[in-house]
Amino acid sequence: MPKMKTKSSAKKRFKLTGSGKIKRKHAFKSHILTKKSKKRKLKLTHSTLVHPADENSVLEQLRLK
């Protein structure tokens, strides 16, 4: 039986925390930054957690479920 492969895109985008939650980065921080305020860009810099409604699908892509 072949091995189950992890989705490469998910592997690059998500990390697991020590408590098992899934960490992600914010979108909209790569280009067209001149029109965005400093405050907005600073908030987009920090990572956040994946919403509980999306956790199952991300775990499935990472082949952890």
N, C-alpha and C. Protein backbone atom coordinates (compact mmCIF):
# COMPACT_ATOMS: atom_id res chain seq x y z
N MET A 1 0.86 -1.19 0.00
CA MET A 1 0.00 0.00 0.00
C MET A 1 0.90 1.24 0.00
N PRO A 2 0.63 2.21 -0.88
CA PRO A 2 1.46 3.41 -0.89
C PRO A 2 1.20 4.29 0.34
N LYS A 3 2.20 5.10 0.66
CA LYS A 3 2.08 6.01 1.80
C LYS A 3 1.13 7.16 1.47
N MET A 4 0.50 7.70 2.50
CA MET A 4 -0.33 8.89 2.33
C MET A 4 0.59 10.09 2.29
N LYS A 5 0.47 10.91 1.27
CA LYS A 5 1.35 12.08 1.15
C LYS A 5 0.70 13.32 1.74
N THR A 6 1.50 14.15 2.39
CA THR A 6 1.07 15.44 2.92
C THR A 6 0.93 16.41 1.75
N LYS A 7 -0.07 17.29 1.79
CA LYS A 7 -0.19 18.33 0.78
C LYS A 7 0.96 19.31 0.98
N SER A 8 1.79 19.50 -0.05
CA SER A 8 2.97 20.37 0.07
C SER A 8 2.59 21.80 0.39
N SER A 9 1.48 22.27 -0.17
CA SER A 9 1.06 23.66 0.08
C SER A 9 0.70 23.85 1.55
N ALA A 10 0.04 22.86 2.15
CA ALA A 10 -0.34 22.95 3.56
C ALA A 10 0.89 22.86 4.46
N LYS A 11 1.84 22.02 4.06
CA LYS A 11 3.07 21.83 4.82
C LYS A 11 3.83 23.15 4.95
N LYS A 12 3.79 23.96 3.88
CA LYS A 12 4.51 25.23 3.87
C LYS A 12 3.77 26.33 4.63
N ARG A 13 2.44 26.22 4.74
CA ARG A 13 1.64 27.32 5.29
C ARG A 13 1.29 27.19 6.77
N PHE A 14 1.27 25.97 7.29
CA PHE A 14 0.77 25.76 8.66
C PHE A 14 1.81 25.09 9.54
N LYS A 15 1.78 25.44 10.84
CA LYS A 15 2.64 24.81 11.85
C LYS A 15 1.75 24.46 13.05
N LEU A 16 2.10 23.39 13.73
CA LEU A 16 1.36 23.01 14.93
C LEU A 16 2.02 23.63 16.16
N THR A 17 1.19 24.11 17.08
CA THR A 17 1.70 24.64 18.34
C THR A 17 1.88 23.47 19.31
N GLY A 18 2.47 23.74 20.45
CA GLY A 18 2.68 22.70 21.45
C GLY A 18 1.39 22.11 21.97
N SER A 19 0.33 22.93 22.02
CA SER A 19 -0.96 22.45 22.54
C SER A 19 -1.83 21.83 21.44
N GLY A 20 -1.30 21.75 20.21
CA GLY A 20 -2.02 21.07 19.14
C GLY A 20 -2.86 21.97 18.26
N LYS A 21 -2.81 23.28 18.51
CA LYS A 21 -3.54 24.20 17.65
C LYS A 21 -2.73 24.46 16.38
N ILE A 22 -3.37 25.01 15.35
CA ILE A 22 -2.68 25.23 14.08
C ILE A 22 -2.44 26.71 13.88
N LYS A 23 -1.17 27.05 13.64
CA LYS A 23 -0.75 28.44 13.46
C LYS A 23 -0.70 28.76 11.97
N ARG A 24 -1.08 30.00 11.62
CA ARG A 24 -1.02 30.43 10.23
C ARG A 24 -0.59 31.88 10.15
N LYS A 25 -0.19 32.31 8.95
CA LYS A 25 0.17 33.72 8.74
C LYS A 25 -1.02 34.44 8.12
N HIS A 26 -1.02 35.76 8.24
CA HIS A 26 -2.06 36.57 7.63
C HIS A 26 -1.79 36.75 6.13
N ALA A 27 -2.85 36.91 5.36
CA ALA A 27 -2.73 37.22 3.94
C ALA A 27 -2.62 38.74 3.76
N PHE A 28 -2.45 39.19 2.54
CA PHE A 28 -2.43 40.62 2.16
C PHE A 28 -1.23 41.38 2.69
N LYS A 29 -0.07 40.72 2.81
CA LYS A 29 1.12 41.40 3.31
C LYS A 29 2.28 41.30 2.31
N SER A 30 1.99 40.94 1.05
CA SER A 30 3.10 40.69 0.13
C SER A 30 3.36 41.83 -0.86
N HIS A 31 2.33 42.53 -1.30
CA HIS A 31 2.55 43.62 -2.25
C HIS A 31 1.44 44.66 -2.12
N ILE A 32 1.56 45.75 -2.85
CA ILE A 32 0.64 46.91 -2.74
C ILE A 32 0.56 47.36 -1.28
N LEU A 33 1.73 47.60 -0.70
CA LEU A 33 1.78 47.95 0.73
C LEU A 33 1.73 49.45 0.97
N THR A 34 1.89 50.25 -0.09
CA THR A 34 1.93 51.70 0.11
C THR A 34 0.59 52.28 0.54
N LYS A 35 -0.49 51.68 0.07
CA LYS A 35 -1.81 52.23 0.44
C LYS A 35 -2.33 51.69 1.76
N LYS A 36 -1.64 50.70 2.34
CA LYS A 36 -2.07 50.15 3.62
C LYS A 36 -1.39 50.90 4.76
N SER A 37 -2.15 51.14 5.82
CA SER A 37 -1.62 51.91 6.95
C SER A 37 -0.58 51.09 7.71
N LYS A 38 0.26 51.80 8.45
CA LYS A 38 1.31 51.15 9.24
C LYS A 38 0.69 50.19 10.26
N LYS A 39 -0.40 50.64 10.87
CA LYS A 39 -1.09 49.84 11.88
C LYS A 39 -1.61 48.53 11.27
N ARG A 40 -2.19 48.64 10.08
CA ARG A 40 -2.74 47.47 9.40
C ARG A 40 -1.64 46.47 9.03
N LYS A 41 -0.52 46.99 8.51
CA LYS A 41 0.59 46.12 8.12
C LYS A 41 1.21 45.44 9.34
N LEU A 42 1.29 46.16 10.45
CA LEU A 42 1.85 45.60 11.68
C LEU A 42 0.98 44.45 12.19
N LYS A 43 -0.34 44.63 12.12
CA LYS A 43 -1.26 43.58 12.56
C LYS A 43 -1.17 42.35 11.66
N LEU A 44 -0.91 42.56 10.36
CA LEU A 44 -0.79 41.44 9.42
C LEU A 44 0.52 40.68 9.60
N THR A 45 1.50 41.31 10.26
CA THR A 45 2.80 40.68 10.46
C THR A 45 2.71 39.49 11.42
N HIS A 46 1.92 39.63 12.46
CA HIS A 46 1.85 38.60 13.50
C HIS A 46 1.05 37.39 13.03
N SER A 47 1.46 36.22 13.48
CA SER A 47 0.74 35.01 13.11
C SER A 47 -0.48 34.86 14.01
N THR A 48 -1.41 34.01 13.57
CA THR A 48 -2.64 33.79 14.31
C THR A 48 -2.99 32.31 14.22
N LEU A 49 -4.11 31.94 14.80
CA LEU A 49 -4.53 30.54 14.77
C LEU A 49 -5.59 30.32 13.70
N VAL A 50 -5.63 29.11 13.19
CA VAL A 50 -6.65 28.73 12.21
C VAL A 50 -7.99 28.66 12.94
N HIS A 51 -9.06 29.12 12.28
CA HIS A 51 -10.39 29.11 12.86
C HIS A 51 -10.82 27.66 13.12
N PRO A 52 -11.50 27.41 14.25
CA PRO A 52 -11.92 26.04 14.57
C PRO A 52 -12.73 25.35 13.46
N ALA A 53 -13.50 26.12 12.69
CA ALA A 53 -14.29 25.53 11.62
C ALA A 53 -13.41 24.97 10.50
N ASP A 54 -12.20 25.50 10.36
CA ASP A 54 -11.30 25.06 9.30
C ASP A 54 -10.24 24.06 9.77
N GLU A 55 -10.17 23.82 11.07
CA GLU A 55 -9.11 22.97 11.61
C GLU A 55 -9.12 21.56 11.03
N ASN A 56 -10.30 20.96 10.90
CA ASN A 56 -10.38 19.59 10.39
C ASN A 56 -9.84 19.47 8.98
N SER A 57 -10.16 20.43 8.13
CA SER A 57 -9.69 20.36 6.75
C SER A 57 -8.17 20.55 6.66
N VAL A 58 -7.62 21.41 7.51
CA VAL A 58 -6.17 21.62 7.52
C VAL A 58 -5.46 20.37 8.05
N LEU A 59 -5.99 19.78 9.10
CA LEU A 59 -5.39 18.57 9.66
C LEU A 59 -5.42 17.43 8.64
N GLU A 60 -6.49 17.37 7.87
CA GLU A 60 -6.61 16.34 6.83
C GLU A 60 -5.55 16.56 5.74
N GLN A 61 -5.31 17.81 5.37
CA GLN A 61 -4.30 18.12 4.36
C GLN A 61 -2.90 17.78 4.87
N LEU A 62 -2.69 17.98 6.18
CA LEU A 62 -1.41 17.63 6.79
C LEU A 62 -1.33 16.13 7.10
N ARG A 63 -2.40 15.42 6.84
CA ARG A 63 -2.52 13.97 7.10
C ARG A 63 -2.33 13.63 8.57
N LEU A 64 -2.87 14.48 9.44
CA LEU A 64 -2.79 14.23 10.87
C LEU A 64 -4.10 13.72 11.41
N LYS A 65 -5.10 13.59 10.54
CA LYS A 65 -6.42 13.13 10.99
C LYS A 65 -6.93 12.04 10.08
